[in-house]
């Protein structure tokens, strides 16, 4: 019987990453998605899981080895099945959403942040070996930061898995984690004491994006400025384009116009198309315009990046948005899809609402939120006339942008959206 070679899958731009943990031994039986090795760069911690079931016959890598995409990890003896081999493609159940770093890569919260473009993470501390320990990469990382030997801790989790609580308890107290900004954890409660409850697991995508949003909210001093744009004339033009697009199999929504208007404003106010340097002493201005667009999927929110928006027009952007949204909802997320954004847009226009506070997608410094446009009477100097008004909600990093700049930026957006000729000429 031939063996199965398991190699490092697509891990984005990372190369020559050191192996920090080998999580299995020769003779172990593994299933798809079981973690095999852990890798750690200066930006991310990654677990590489099995992509097939079988018995480990040979382990090729050791702790300290450096690997890249395609590097051989180990060999498996295929698992014998009566009917057919079990794989994620033929189990008959819905397969988990692929990781933003590509098929076969399991992400920790630190990886999710790195894949979303967080370039300002500090280098990791010196590595400690915890071979054979049943713990997640985030727990291993915490143990290294606190200088605790996981080999001396008894895990309280399922199958003896070591949890963060176990690591903190090993100190004799429950210290706050590094970078938590001294925010204590919510105390655990037994909600079942008050009535019937059901534990519904978070989707994989939400588990990955949650820590990134939490970190952004804690580290970025958010301010949200609101305004509204008169898009009455723009909507007439959009409907004309959309009628022709339907025949060709795609739609023209308001989003391409918002993207083009944002780029025009970003060119006039370059500090909005920037990132704060890691030490906070400089502003890194970006001379390219890659717009992240929040897409609502069955598994949660994902923000693919549309590149070089300044070089594209309404129809081209509409076609690209349609194709990208379709791939996101099918869970076909590649590393390049979510990297390199300079400014983001979150649109709830198809659902409703009057305003909201979008969270800045750090290390970006601003994000535009829009909700449903409504017809309202507007005074034109002589009388009230019905106009289609679009609420705009601009959240920004107050360390980089002040209120006056935010008001000017939003006013420029209002001006552009109110005069469709500025977008198409």
Foldseek 3Di string as FASTA:
>chain_A
DDKDWDWAAQQDPDFFWFWQEAADDQFDWFAFPQFGTWTDDQQFIWTFTDQFTFGFHFADDDGGGTGDHGHTGGIGDHDDDPPDGDGQVPPPDPHAQADLRDHRIAGDLSSLLVLLAAPQRGGADDGDHQYNAQEDPVLRSQCVVVVHHSVPWFAPDPPRHRDNVRSCVVVVHRDDGPLLLPDDDDDDDDPPVVHDDDDDDAGSVCNRCVSLLSSLVVPFPKDKDKDKAFQQVVVVVQVVVQVVVVVVPFGQDCVLVLLLLLVVLCVVVQLQQWFAHNVRPDIGGDPWAWEWEWAQAPNGIDTFIHGRSVVDARVVVRVVVRVLNVCVNSSNRHSNRNYDHREYEYEQQVPADDDDADRGSPSRFKYKYWYHWDWDFDDPPPGTDTTTMIMIMMMGRCSRDPPVSVVVSVVSSSVCSRDVVNRPD
